[in-house]
Amino acid sequence: MAKGSEVLTLDHYLEVLAVKPGAMRNATALARARSSEAFTQTHERFRDLARRRLGERPVTKALIEVLLAHRTMPATAVIAGMDAGMAVGSVDPAVVTIEARKAAQGVRARRRCPSAS
């Protein structure tokens, strides 16, 4: 990163976007997250399903709650949580978080207990 260059990380804007959810659609930080693939196809599918189920304003709130989970859990776990939630037709951030915790625990358990060959 060059000195004086602009860094726009979506995570840094989540609290602001929670207050002004309409800004999410055109947020430069979201565009950067997409281009860097930090905002994955799973995130897009979750957002699209949530929009169909909840409507425009609630989808942003749900998505922000899911994105905040990235602060405390590995991205792979959060993505697994979104996949698990969507598999049962849920876009509830609480379901995503529970499933993400299960996924994260599974990764830690596999690291502690190597499989027998």
Protein backbone atom coordinates (compact mmCIF):
# COMPACT_ATOMS: atom_id res chain seq x y z
CA MET A 1 0.00 0.00 0.00
CA ALA A 2 1.47 3.33 -1.06
CA LYS A 3 1.74 6.17 1.41
CA GLY A 4 -1.32 8.39 1.20
CA SER A 5 -3.40 5.79 -0.61
CA GLU A 6 -7.02 5.28 0.32
CA VAL A 7 -8.00 2.12 2.19
CA LEU A 8 -11.70 1.32 2.28
CA THR A 9 -12.43 -1.78 4.32
CA LEU A 10 -16.11 -2.67 4.53
CA ASP A 11 -15.76 -3.73 8.17
CA HIS A 12 -14.78 -0.17 9.12
CA TYR A 13 -18.13 1.16 7.85
CA LEU A 14 -20.57 -1.41 9.25
CA GLU A 15 -21.74 0.69 12.19
CA VAL A 16 -22.40 3.69 9.92
CA LEU A 17 -24.20 1.52 7.37
CA ALA A 18 -26.37 0.08 10.15
CA VAL A 19 -27.62 3.61 10.86
CA LYS A 20 -27.92 4.56 7.17
CA PRO A 21 -28.81 1.24 5.50
CA GLY A 22 -29.66 2.89 2.19
CA ALA A 23 -25.99 3.76 1.78
CA MET A 24 -25.01 0.10 1.56
CA ARG A 25 -26.18 -0.32 -2.03
CA ASN A 26 -23.68 2.24 -3.42
CA ALA A 27 -20.96 1.99 -0.78
CA THR A 28 -17.49 2.18 -2.27
CA ALA A 29 -16.25 -0.08 0.53
CA LEU A 30 -18.74 -2.76 -0.58
CA ALA A 31 -17.54 -2.46 -4.18
CA ARG A 32 -13.95 -2.88 -2.99
CA ALA A 33 -14.92 -5.90 -0.85
CA ARG A 34 -16.54 -7.46 -3.92
CA SER A 35 -13.53 -6.82 -6.13
CA SER A 36 -11.16 -8.26 -3.53
CA GLU A 37 -13.49 -11.26 -3.13
CA ALA A 38 -13.85 -10.60 0.60
CA PHE A 39 -17.57 -10.25 -0.15
CA THR A 40 -18.06 -13.67 -1.69
CA GLN A 41 -20.70 -15.23 -3.91
CA THR A 42 -22.14 -16.75 -0.72
CA HIS A 43 -22.55 -13.25 0.73
CA GLU A 44 -24.28 -12.21 -2.50
CA ARG A 45 -26.64 -15.22 -2.43
CA PHE A 46 -27.44 -14.55 1.24
CA ARG A 47 -28.17 -10.90 0.46
CA ASP A 48 -30.34 -11.78 -2.54
CA LEU A 49 -32.35 -14.37 -0.59
CA ALA A 50 -32.73 -12.00 2.36
CA ARG A 51 -33.91 -9.22 0.03
CA ARG A 52 -36.59 -11.50 -1.42
CA ARG A 53 -37.70 -12.61 2.04
CA LEU A 54 -37.33 -9.42 4.07
CA GLY A 55 -37.32 -6.42 1.75
CA GLU A 56 -34.66 -3.79 1.10
CA ARG A 57 -34.23 -2.12 4.48
CA PRO A 58 -34.26 -5.26 6.68
CA VAL A 59 -31.84 -7.05 4.34
CA THR A 60 -29.13 -4.50 5.10
CA LYS A 61 -29.61 -4.96 8.84
CA ALA A 62 -29.43 -8.75 8.49
CA LEU A 63 -26.38 -8.57 6.23
CA ILE A 64 -24.57 -6.20 8.58
CA GLU A 65 -25.18 -8.57 11.50
CA VAL A 66 -23.68 -11.40 9.47
CA LEU A 67 -20.72 -9.26 8.40
CA LEU A 68 -20.07 -8.32 12.02
CA ALA A 69 -19.65 -12.04 12.78
CA HIS A 70 -16.47 -11.89 10.68
CA ARG A 71 -14.89 -9.91 13.53
CA THR A 72 -15.02 -12.85 15.91
CA MET A 73 -15.00 -15.91 13.65
CA PRO A 74 -13.00 -17.09 10.66
CA ALA A 75 -14.44 -16.14 7.28
CA THR A 76 -14.75 -19.81 6.33
CA ALA A 77 -16.95 -20.42 9.38
CA VAL A 78 -19.21 -17.43 8.64
CA ILE A 79 -19.56 -18.53 5.03
CA ALA A 80 -20.39 -22.06 6.19
CA GLY A 81 -22.98 -20.54 8.53
CA MET A 82 -24.58 -18.62 5.68
CA ASP A 83 -24.65 -21.76 3.54
CA ALA A 84 -26.19 -23.81 6.37
CA GLY A 85 -28.82 -21.15 7.07
CA MET A 86 -29.76 -20.81 3.43
CA ALA A 87 -29.93 -24.61 3.09
CA VAL A 88 -32.86 -24.59 5.53
CA GLY A 89 -34.33 -21.43 4.03
CA SER A 90 -33.24 -19.08 6.82
CA VAL A 91 -31.75 -15.61 6.49
CA ASP A 92 -31.85 -15.00 10.24
CA PRO A 93 -28.43 -13.69 11.36
CA ALA A 94 -28.80 -15.63 14.63
CA VAL A 95 -29.08 -18.90 12.68
CA VAL A 96 -26.04 -17.94 10.60
CA THR A 97 -24.06 -17.16 13.76
CA ILE A 98 -25.00 -20.45 15.45
CA GLU A 99 -24.10 -22.42 12.34
CA ALA A 100 -20.86 -20.45 11.95
CA ARG A 101 -19.89 -21.27 15.55
CA LYS A 102 -20.57 -24.95 14.87
CA ALA A 103 -18.38 -24.77 11.78
CA ALA A 104 -15.60 -22.99 13.69
CA GLN A 105 -15.74 -25.58 16.48
CA GLY A 106 -15.55 -28.36 13.92
CA VAL A 107 -12.39 -26.86 12.46
CA ARG A 108 -10.80 -26.58 15.91
CA ALA A 109 -11.85 -30.13 16.82
CA ARG A 110 -10.30 -31.51 13.63
CA ARG A 111 -7.06 -29.68 14.40
CA ARG A 112 -6.91 -31.24 17.89
CA CYS A 113 -7.90 -34.75 16.81
CA PRO A 114 -6.05 -35.83 13.70
CA SER A 115 -8.02 -38.46 11.82
CA ALA A 116 -6.78 -42.00 11.99
CA SER A 117 -5.41 -43.30 8.74
